[in-house]
Amino acid sequence: MSLWARFVCEQEAEDAVQDILVKAFEKINMYKPTVSFSSWLYKMAYHHCLNLIHRKKLQQKFKVGLFTPNMTTDSAAQVIERQLFSEPLSRALDKLTAEERTLLVLRIFEEKSFDEIGEIMNKSQEAVKKKYGRTKTKLKKIMDHMKEEEKCVSYNTLFKTKA
């Protein structure tokens, strides 16, 4: 990734953090101590970032005719995923929805409880548990399918070199 693209991603992230903190300050009177403060703040950040992603997708739809696909840069989330995960896992995560990826991150990396995740995502604890189970199954199927494709490709390569 170019230095300019990395700067843009970092700048977008810094802007998002600043916007979220300003929103939190403005809405602090709406905080109810029935949930943890971190969950309340995370929920605000989650919805803010979903709005940013939605806005960015709309902007990209309007710019489709202006740029070739090779000129677009990866999102900050895609860059981080590529750095944190192996190539196959990163590609598999790309095939999940934003909500599914967020659910995995909240549960596995942030170690949030299903109750906290439900609060963040405006879903019941049971709905989150079911969605988490389905997401894990979906990710496993995607990974298994990718392994099978890899075997087929390597078999075909081997077959061509032997022939």
N, C-alpha and C. Protein backbone atom coordinates (compact mmCIF):
# COMPACT_ATOMS: atom_id res chain seq x y z
N MET A 1 0.85 -1.16 0.00
CA MET A 1 0.00 0.00 0.00
C MET A 1 0.90 1.23 0.00
N SER A 2 0.49 2.23 -0.74
CA SER A 2 1.30 3.44 -0.85
C SER A 2 1.24 4.24 0.45
N LEU A 3 2.20 5.12 0.60
CA LEU A 3 2.26 5.97 1.78
C LEU A 3 1.01 6.86 1.85
N TRP A 4 0.57 7.34 0.69
CA TRP A 4 -0.61 8.20 0.64
C TRP A 4 -1.85 7.43 1.09
N ALA A 5 -2.02 6.20 0.63
CA ALA A 5 -3.18 5.39 1.01
C ALA A 5 -3.16 5.11 2.51
N ARG A 6 -1.97 4.81 3.06
CA ARG A 6 -1.85 4.55 4.49
C ARG A 6 -2.21 5.82 5.28
N PHE A 7 -1.76 6.98 4.80
CA PHE A 7 -2.09 8.25 5.47
C PHE A 7 -3.59 8.49 5.45
N VAL A 8 -4.23 8.23 4.31
CA VAL A 8 -5.66 8.45 4.19
C VAL A 8 -6.41 7.54 5.17
N CYS A 9 -6.01 6.26 5.26
CA CYS A 9 -6.66 5.32 6.19
C CYS A 9 -6.48 5.79 7.64
N GLU A 10 -5.27 6.19 8.00
CA GLU A 10 -5.02 6.66 9.36
C GLU A 10 -5.81 7.93 9.64
N GLN A 11 -5.87 8.81 8.66
CA GLN A 11 -6.61 10.06 8.84
C GLN A 11 -8.10 9.79 9.01
N GLU A 12 -8.64 8.87 8.21
CA GLU A 12 -10.05 8.51 8.34
C GLU A 12 -10.33 7.92 9.72
N ALA A 13 -9.43 7.07 10.20
CA ALA A 13 -9.61 6.46 11.52
C ALA A 13 -9.56 7.51 12.62
N GLU A 14 -8.60 8.44 12.53
CA GLU A 14 -8.51 9.50 13.52
C GLU A 14 -9.75 10.39 13.50
N ASP A 15 -10.24 10.70 12.31
CA ASP A 15 -11.45 11.51 12.19
C ASP A 15 -12.65 10.78 12.81
N ALA A 16 -12.75 9.48 12.56
CA ALA A 16 -13.85 8.69 13.11
C ALA A 16 -13.80 8.69 14.64
N VAL A 17 -12.62 8.49 15.20
CA VAL A 17 -12.48 8.49 16.66
C VAL A 17 -12.89 9.83 17.23
N GLN A 18 -12.45 10.90 16.59
CA GLN A 18 -12.80 12.24 17.08
C GLN A 18 -14.32 12.44 17.00
N ASP A 19 -14.94 12.06 15.90
CA ASP A 19 -16.40 12.20 15.76
C ASP A 19 -17.14 11.41 16.83
N ILE A 20 -16.67 10.19 17.09
CA ILE A 20 -17.32 9.33 18.08
C ILE A 20 -17.21 9.94 19.48
N LEU A 21 -16.04 10.45 19.81
CA LEU A 21 -15.86 11.06 21.14
C LEU A 21 -16.71 12.32 21.30
N VAL A 22 -16.84 13.09 20.24
CA VAL A 22 -17.70 14.28 20.30
C VAL A 22 -19.16 13.85 20.50
N LYS A 23 -19.59 12.83 19.75
CA LYS A 23 -20.97 12.32 19.92
C LYS A 23 -21.19 11.82 21.34
N ALA A 24 -20.21 11.09 21.87
CA ALA A 24 -20.33 10.55 23.23
C ALA A 24 -20.46 11.70 24.24
N PHE A 25 -19.67 12.73 24.05
CA PHE A 25 -19.73 13.88 24.95
C PHE A 25 -21.11 14.55 24.87
N GLU A 26 -21.61 14.70 23.65
CA GLU A 26 -22.91 15.35 23.45
C GLU A 26 -24.06 14.52 24.02
N LYS A 27 -23.91 13.20 24.01
CA LYS A 27 -25.01 12.32 24.43
C LYS A 27 -24.75 11.63 25.77
N ILE A 28 -23.80 12.13 26.54
CA ILE A 28 -23.46 11.48 27.81
C ILE A 28 -24.66 11.42 28.75
N ASN A 29 -25.57 12.38 28.64
CA ASN A 29 -26.76 12.36 29.49
C ASN A 29 -27.70 11.20 29.16
N MET A 30 -27.51 10.58 27.99
CA MET A 30 -28.35 9.44 27.60
C MET A 30 -27.78 8.11 28.11
N TYR A 31 -26.57 8.15 28.66
CA TYR A 31 -25.96 6.93 29.18
C TYR A 31 -26.71 6.47 30.43
N LYS A 32 -27.06 5.17 30.43
CA LYS A 32 -27.72 4.57 31.59
C LYS A 32 -26.78 3.53 32.18
N PRO A 33 -26.51 3.60 33.46
CA PRO A 33 -25.54 2.68 34.08
C PRO A 33 -25.99 1.22 34.11
N THR A 34 -27.09 0.88 33.45
CA THR A 34 -27.52 -0.52 33.40
C THR A 34 -26.61 -1.35 32.51
N VAL A 35 -25.87 -0.70 31.62
CA VAL A 35 -24.87 -1.38 30.78
C VAL A 35 -23.52 -0.74 31.06
N SER A 36 -22.47 -1.47 30.71
CA SER A 36 -21.13 -0.91 30.95
C SER A 36 -20.90 0.28 30.03
N PHE A 37 -20.11 1.22 30.51
CA PHE A 37 -19.80 2.41 29.72
C PHE A 37 -19.10 2.02 28.42
N SER A 38 -18.20 1.03 28.49
CA SER A 38 -17.47 0.62 27.29
C SER A 38 -18.43 0.06 26.24
N SER A 39 -19.45 -0.68 26.66
CA SER A 39 -20.43 -1.21 25.70
C SER A 39 -21.24 -0.08 25.07
N TRP A 40 -21.61 0.90 25.89
CA TRP A 40 -22.36 2.04 25.38
C TRP A 40 -21.53 2.80 24.35
N LEU A 41 -20.26 3.03 24.66
CA LEU A 41 -19.37 3.74 23.75
C LEU A 41 -19.10 2.91 22.49
N TYR A 42 -18.90 1.61 22.68
CA TYR A 42 -18.64 0.73 21.55
C TYR A 42 -19.84 0.71 20.61
N LYS A 43 -21.05 0.70 21.18
CA LYS A 43 -22.27 0.71 20.37
C LYS A 43 -22.32 1.98 19.51
N MET A 44 -21.98 3.09 20.12
CA MET A 44 -21.98 4.35 19.39
C MET A 44 -20.95 4.30 18.26
N ALA A 45 -19.77 3.77 18.56
CA ALA A 45 -18.70 3.66 17.56
C ALA A 45 -19.11 2.71 16.44
N TYR A 46 -19.72 1.60 16.81
CA TYR A 46 -20.17 0.60 15.83
C TYR A 46 -21.13 1.23 14.82
N HIS A 47 -22.13 1.92 15.31
CA HIS A 47 -23.12 2.52 14.41
C HIS A 47 -22.52 3.67 13.59
N HIS A 48 -21.62 4.41 14.18
CA HIS A 48 -20.95 5.49 13.45
C HIS A 48 -20.15 4.89 12.28
N CYS A 49 -19.41 3.82 12.56
CA CYS A 49 -18.59 3.20 11.51
C CYS A 49 -19.45 2.55 10.43
N LEU A 50 -20.57 1.96 10.82
CA LEU A 50 -21.49 1.42 9.80
C LEU A 50 -21.98 2.53 8.88
N ASN A 51 -22.30 3.68 9.45
CA ASN A 51 -22.73 4.82 8.64
C ASN A 51 -21.61 5.28 7.70
N LEU A 52 -20.36 5.29 8.19
CA LEU A 52 -19.23 5.68 7.34
C LEU A 52 -19.06 4.70 6.18
N ILE A 53 -19.16 3.42 6.48
CA ILE A 53 -19.03 2.40 5.43
C ILE A 53 -20.13 2.57 4.39
N HIS A 54 -21.35 2.78 4.86
CA HIS A 54 -22.48 2.96 3.94
C HIS A 54 -22.27 4.19 3.06
N ARG A 55 -21.84 5.27 3.68
CA ARG A 55 -21.58 6.51 2.93
C ARG A 55 -20.47 6.30 1.89
N LYS A 56 -19.42 5.59 2.29
CA LYS A 56 -18.29 5.35 1.39
C LYS A 56 -18.72 4.49 0.19
N LYS A 57 -19.57 3.49 0.45
CA LYS A 57 -20.06 2.64 -0.64
C LYS A 57 -20.89 3.46 -1.62
N LEU A 58 -21.71 4.36 -1.10
CA LEU A 58 -22.51 5.22 -1.98
C LEU A 58 -21.60 6.11 -2.83
N GLN A 59 -20.57 6.67 -2.20
CA GLN A 59 -19.64 7.53 -2.94
C GLN A 59 -18.92 6.73 -4.02
N GLN A 60 -18.54 5.49 -3.72
CA GLN A 60 -17.84 4.67 -4.71
C GLN A 60 -18.75 4.32 -5.88
N LYS A 61 -20.05 4.14 -5.63
CA LYS A 61 -20.97 3.85 -6.72
C LYS A 61 -21.02 5.01 -7.72
N PHE A 62 -20.93 6.24 -7.20
CA PHE A 62 -20.96 7.40 -8.07
C PHE A 62 -19.64 7.61 -8.80
N LYS A 63 -18.55 7.08 -8.24
CA LYS A 63 -17.23 7.27 -8.85
C LYS A 63 -16.83 6.12 -9.76
N VAL A 64 -17.69 5.12 -9.93
CA VAL A 64 -17.33 3.93 -10.71
C VAL A 64 -16.80 4.28 -12.09
N GLY A 65 -17.41 5.20 -12.76
CA GLY A 65 -16.98 5.55 -14.10
C GLY A 65 -15.70 6.38 -14.14
N LEU A 66 -15.31 6.95 -13.02
CA LEU A 66 -14.17 7.85 -13.01
C LEU A 66 -12.83 7.15 -12.84
N PHE A 67 -12.82 6.03 -12.10
CA PHE A 67 -11.56 5.36 -11.80
C PHE A 67 -11.61 3.90 -12.22
N THR A 68 -10.47 3.36 -12.55
CA THR A 68 -10.39 1.93 -12.84
C THR A 68 -10.30 1.19 -11.52
N PRO A 69 -10.70 -0.10 -11.47
CA PRO A 69 -10.66 -0.85 -10.22
C PRO A 69 -9.27 -0.91 -9.60
N ASN A 70 -8.20 -0.86 -10.39
CA ASN A 70 -6.85 -0.96 -9.85
C ASN A 70 -6.44 0.29 -9.06
N MET A 71 -7.15 1.40 -9.26
CA MET A 71 -6.78 2.64 -8.62
C MET A 71 -7.42 2.81 -7.23
N THR A 72 -8.37 1.95 -6.88
CA THR A 72 -9.01 2.09 -5.58
C THR A 72 -8.10 1.54 -4.49
N THR A 73 -8.22 2.10 -3.29
CA THR A 73 -7.40 1.64 -2.17
C THR A 73 -8.24 0.77 -1.25
N ASP A 74 -7.58 -0.08 -0.50
CA ASP A 74 -8.26 -0.93 0.46
C ASP A 74 -8.73 -0.09 1.64
N SER A 75 -9.81 -0.55 2.27
CA SER A 75 -10.29 0.14 3.46
C SER A 75 -9.34 -0.15 4.62
N ALA A 76 -9.44 0.64 5.65
CA ALA A 76 -8.59 0.44 6.82
C ALA A 76 -8.82 -0.94 7.42
N ALA A 77 -10.08 -1.38 7.45
CA ALA A 77 -10.39 -2.71 8.00
C ALA A 77 -9.72 -3.81 7.19
N GLN A 78 -9.73 -3.68 5.85
CA GLN A 78 -9.10 -4.69 5.00
C GLN A 78 -7.59 -4.73 5.23
N VAL A 79 -6.97 -3.58 5.41
CA VAL A 79 -5.52 -3.53 5.65
C VAL A 79 -5.19 -4.22 6.97
N ILE A 80 -5.96 -3.91 8.01
CA ILE A 80 -5.72 -4.51 9.32
C ILE A 80 -5.94 -6.02 9.27
N GLU A 81 -7.02 -6.45 8.61
CA GLU A 81 -7.29 -7.89 8.49
C GLU A 81 -6.13 -8.59 7.81
N ARG A 82 -5.60 -7.99 6.76
CA ARG A 82 -4.51 -8.61 6.02
C ARG A 82 -3.26 -8.73 6.89
N GLN A 83 -3.04 -7.75 7.76
CA GLN A 83 -1.87 -7.77 8.64
C GLN A 83 -2.05 -8.76 9.79
N LEU A 84 -3.27 -8.91 10.29
CA LEU A 84 -3.51 -9.77 11.44
C LEU A 84 -3.67 -11.25 11.09
N PHE A 85 -4.25 -11.52 9.94
CA PHE A 85 -4.63 -12.88 9.62
C PHE A 85 -3.85 -13.42 8.44
N SER A 86 -3.83 -14.75 8.34
CA SER A 86 -3.21 -15.39 7.20
C SER A 86 -4.01 -15.04 5.95
N GLU A 87 -3.40 -15.22 4.80
CA GLU A 87 -4.07 -14.89 3.54
C GLU A 87 -5.39 -15.65 3.37
N PRO A 88 -5.43 -16.98 3.59
CA PRO A 88 -6.71 -17.67 3.42
C PRO A 88 -7.79 -17.17 4.38
N LEU A 89 -7.42 -16.94 5.64
CA LEU A 89 -8.41 -16.46 6.60
C LEU A 89 -8.86 -15.06 6.24
N SER A 90 -7.96 -14.22 5.81
CA SER A 90 -8.30 -12.86 5.40
C SER A 90 -9.28 -12.88 4.23
N ARG A 91 -9.01 -13.74 3.24
CA ARG A 91 -9.93 -13.86 2.10
C ARG A 91 -11.28 -14.39 2.53
N ALA A 92 -11.29 -15.34 3.47
CA ALA A 92 -12.55 -15.89 3.97
C ALA A 92 -13.34 -14.82 4.72
N LEU A 93 -12.66 -14.02 5.53
CA LEU A 93 -13.35 -12.95 6.26
C LEU A 93 -13.96 -11.93 5.31
N ASP A 94 -13.30 -11.70 4.17
CA ASP A 94 -13.83 -10.77 3.16
C ASP A 94 -15.17 -11.25 2.61
N LYS A 95 -15.42 -12.55 2.68
CA LYS A 95 -16.67 -13.11 2.15
C LYS A 95 -17.82 -13.03 3.15
N LEU A 96 -17.51 -12.63 4.38
CA LEU A 96 -18.56 -12.43 5.39
C LEU A 96 -19.10 -11.01 5.28
N THR A 97 -20.30 -10.81 5.82
CA THR A 97 -20.85 -9.46 5.84
C THR A 97 -20.13 -8.65 6.92
N ALA A 98 -20.29 -7.34 6.88
CA ALA A 98 -19.68 -6.47 7.89
C ALA A 98 -20.20 -6.83 9.27
N GLU A 99 -21.47 -7.14 9.37
CA GLU A 99 -22.06 -7.51 10.65
C GLU A 99 -21.45 -8.80 11.19
N GLU A 100 -21.24 -9.78 10.31
CA GLU A 100 -20.65 -11.05 10.73
C GLU A 100 -19.21 -10.86 11.19
N ARG A 101 -18.43 -10.06 10.44
CA ARG A 101 -17.05 -9.80 10.84
C ARG A 101 -17.00 -9.07 12.18
N THR A 102 -17.88 -8.09 12.35
CA THR A 102 -17.94 -7.35 13.61
C THR A 102 -18.27 -8.27 14.77
N LEU A 103 -19.20 -9.16 14.57
CA LEU A 103 -19.58 -10.11 15.61
C LEU A 103 -18.39 -10.96 16.03
N LEU A 104 -17.63 -11.46 15.06
CA LEU A 104 -16.45 -12.27 15.37
C LEU A 104 -15.40 -11.44 16.12
N VAL A 105 -15.18 -10.23 15.68
CA VAL A 105 -14.18 -9.37 16.34
C VAL A 105 -14.60 -9.08 17.78
N LEU A 106 -15.87 -8.73 17.97
CA LEU A 106 -16.34 -8.41 19.33
C LEU A 106 -16.22 -9.61 20.26
N ARG A 107 -16.56 -10.78 19.76
CA ARG A 107 -16.57 -11.97 20.60
C ARG A 107 -15.16 -12.53 20.82
N ILE A 108 -14.37 -12.63 19.77
CA ILE A 108 -13.08 -13.30 19.87
C ILE A 108 -11.97 -12.37 20.33
N PHE A 109 -11.84 -11.22 19.70
CA PHE A 109 -10.72 -10.33 20.00
C PHE A 109 -11.03 -9.35 21.13
N GLU A 110 -12.24 -8.83 21.16
CA GLU A 110 -12.61 -7.90 22.22
C GLU A 110 -13.11 -8.63 23.46
N GLU A 111 -13.37 -9.93 23.33
CA GLU A 111 -13.83 -10.79 24.43
C GLU A 111 -15.08 -10.25 25.12
N LYS A 112 -16.00 -9.73 24.30
CA LYS A 112 -17.27 -9.23 24.82
C LYS A 112 -18.22 -10.40 25.06
N SER A 113 -19.08 -10.26 26.05
CA SER A 113 -20.10 -11.28 26.31
C SER A 113 -21.20 -11.15 25.27
N PHE A 114 -22.01 -12.20 25.14
CA PHE A 114 -23.12 -12.13 24.19
C PHE A 114 -24.09 -11.03 24.58
N ASP A 115 -24.23 -10.80 25.86
CA ASP A 115 -25.11 -9.74 26.34
C ASP A 115 -24.60 -8.37 25.90
N GLU A 116 -23.29 -8.14 26.06
CA GLU A 116 -22.69 -6.87 25.65
C GLU A 116 -22.79 -6.68 24.14
N ILE A 117 -22.54 -7.76 23.39
CA ILE A 117 -22.62 -7.67 21.93
C ILE A 117 -24.05 -7.37 21.51
N GLY A 118 -25.02 -7.99 22.19
CA GLY A 118 -26.42 -7.71 21.90
C GLY A 118 -26.76 -6.25 22.11
N GLU A 119 -26.22 -5.69 23.18
CA GLU A 119 -26.45 -4.27 23.46
C GLU A 119 -25.84 -3.40 22.37
N ILE A 120 -24.64 -3.74 21.95
CA ILE A 120 -23.94 -2.96 20.92
C ILE A 120 -24.67 -3.04 19.58
N MET A 121 -25.14 -4.24 19.23
CA MET A 121 -25.72 -4.46 17.91
C MET A 121 -27.25 -4.37 17.89
N ASN A 122 -27.86 -3.96 19.00
CA ASN A 122 -29.32 -3.85 19.10
C ASN A 122 -30.02 -5.17 18.81
N LYS A 123 -29.51 -6.25 19.39
CA LYS A 123 -30.10 -7.57 19.22
C LYS A 123 -30.19 -8.24 20.58
N SER A 124 -31.06 -9.23 20.68
CA SER A 124 -31.16 -9.96 21.94
C SER A 124 -29.95 -10.88 22.10
N GLN A 125 -29.69 -11.29 23.33
CA GLN A 125 -28.57 -12.17 23.61
C GLN A 125 -28.72 -13.48 22.82
N GLU A 126 -29.93 -14.01 22.78
CA GLU A 126 -30.17 -15.27 22.05
C GLU A 126 -29.93 -15.10 20.55
N ALA A 127 -30.36 -13.96 19.99
CA ALA A 127 -30.15 -13.71 18.56
C ALA A 127 -28.65 -13.63 18.25
N VAL A 128 -27.89 -13.00 19.16
CA VAL A 128 -26.45 -12.88 18.97
C VAL A 128 -25.79 -14.26 19.02
N LYS A 129 -26.21 -15.08 19.98
CA LYS A 129 -25.64 -16.43 20.10
C LYS A 129 -25.90 -17.24 18.83
N LYS A 130 -27.11 -17.17 18.32
CA LYS A 130 -27.45 -17.91 17.10
C LYS A 130 -26.66 -17.38 15.90
N LYS A 131 -26.59 -16.07 15.78
CA LYS A 131 -25.85 -15.45 14.67
C LYS A 131 -24.37 -15.82 14.76
N TYR A 132 -23.82 -15.84 15.96
CA TYR A 132 -22.42 -16.19 16.16
C TYR A 132 -22.17 -17.64 15.72
N GLY A 133 -23.05 -18.53 16.12
CA GLY A 133 -22.92 -19.94 15.72
C GLY A 133 -23.00 -20.10 14.21
N ARG A 134 -23.95 -19.42 13.60
CA ARG A 134 -24.10 -19.50 12.13
C ARG A 134 -22.89 -18.89 11.43
N THR A 135 -22.36 -17.81 11.98
CA THR A 135 -21.19 -17.16 11.38
C THR A 135 -19.96 -18.05 11.46
N LYS A 136 -19.75 -18.69 12.60
CA LYS A 136 -18.62 -19.62 12.73
C LYS A 136 -18.75 -20.76 11.72
N THR A 137 -19.96 -21.31 11.58
CA THR A 137 -20.20 -22.39 10.62
C THR A 137 -19.95 -21.91 9.20
N LYS A 138 -20.43 -20.73 8.88
CA LYS A 138 -20.23 -20.16 7.55
C LYS A 138 -18.76 -19.95 7.25
N LEU A 139 -18.01 -19.42 8.22
CA LEU A 139 -16.58 -19.19 8.04
C LEU A 139 -15.84 -20.51 7.83
N LYS A 140 -16.22 -21.53 8.58
CA LYS A 140 -15.59 -22.84 8.44
C LYS A 140 -15.87 -23.42 7.04
N LYS A 141 -17.10 -23.28 6.57
CA LYS A 141 -17.44 -23.78 5.23
C LYS A 141 -16.64 -23.04 4.15
N ILE A 142 -16.51 -21.74 4.32
CA ILE A 142 -15.75 -20.94 3.35
C ILE A 142 -14.29 -21.40 3.34
N MET A 143 -13.72 -21.59 4.54
CA MET A 143 -12.33 -22.04 4.64
C MET A 143 -12.15 -23.43 4.04
N ASP A 144 -13.10 -24.33 4.33
CA ASP A 144 -13.03 -25.68 3.76
C ASP A 144 -13.10 -25.64 2.24
N HIS A 145 -14.01 -24.80 1.73
CA HIS A 145 -14.16 -24.67 0.28
C HIS A 145 -12.88 -24.13 -0.35
N MET A 146 -12.25 -23.17 0.32
CA MET A 146 -11.01 -22.60 -0.20
C MET A 146 -9.89 -23.63 -0.19
N LYS A 147 -9.85 -24.49 0.84
CA LYS A 147 -8.84 -25.55 0.89
C LYS A 147 -9.05 -26.52 -0.26
N GLU A 148 -10.32 -26.85 -0.55
CA GLU A 148 -10.62 -27.75 -1.67
C GLU A 148 -10.19 -27.13 -3.00
N GLU A 149 -10.47 -25.84 -3.17
CA GLU A 149 -10.06 -25.16 -4.40
C GLU A 149 -8.55 -25.18 -4.54
N GLU A 150 -7.85 -24.97 -3.42
CA GLU A 150 -6.40 -24.98 -3.43
C GLU A 150 -5.87 -26.34 -3.86
N LYS A 151 -6.49 -27.42 -3.33
CA LYS A 151 -6.08 -28.77 -3.70
C LYS A 151 -6.30 -29.01 -5.19
N CYS A 152 -7.44 -28.55 -5.70
CA CYS A 152 -7.75 -28.74 -7.12
C CYS A 152 -6.73 -28.01 -7.98
N VAL A 153 -6.39 -26.79 -7.59
CA VAL A 153 -5.43 -26.00 -8.36
C VAL A 153 -4.07 -26.67 -8.35
N SER A 154 -3.64 -27.12 -7.16
CA SER A 154 -2.32 -27.77 -7.09
C SER A 154 -2.33 -29.11 -7.83
N TYR A 155 -3.44 -29.83 -7.80
CA TYR A 155 -3.55 -31.10 -8.53
C TYR A 155 -3.48 -30.83 -10.03
N ASN A 156 -4.22 -29.82 -10.50
CA ASN A 156 -4.20 -29.48 -11.92
C ASN A 156 -2.81 -29.06 -12.37
N THR A 157 -2.11 -28.30 -11.55
CA THR A 157 -0.74 -27.87 -11.86
C THR A 157 0.16 -29.07 -11.95
N LEU A 158 0.04 -29.97 -10.99
CA LEU A 158 0.86 -31.20 -10.97
C LEU A 158 0.55 -32.04 -12.20
N PHE A 159 -0.72 -32.16 -12.53
CA PHE A 159 -1.14 -32.98 -13.66
C PHE A 159 -0.56 -32.40 -14.98
N LYS A 160 -0.58 -31.08 -15.12
CA LYS A 160 -0.08 -30.44 -16.34
C LYS A 160 1.42 -30.61 -16.46
N THR A 161 2.15 -30.54 -15.35
CA THR A 161 3.61 -30.68 -15.42
C THR A 161 4.03 -32.11 -15.70
N LYS A 162 3.21 -33.09 -15.32
CA LYS A 162 3.53 -34.50 -15.53
C LYS A 162 3.20 -34.94 -16.95
N ALA A 163 2.25 -34.26 -17.58
CA ALA A 163 1.78 -34.67 -18.91
C ALA A 163 2.71 -34.33 -20.02
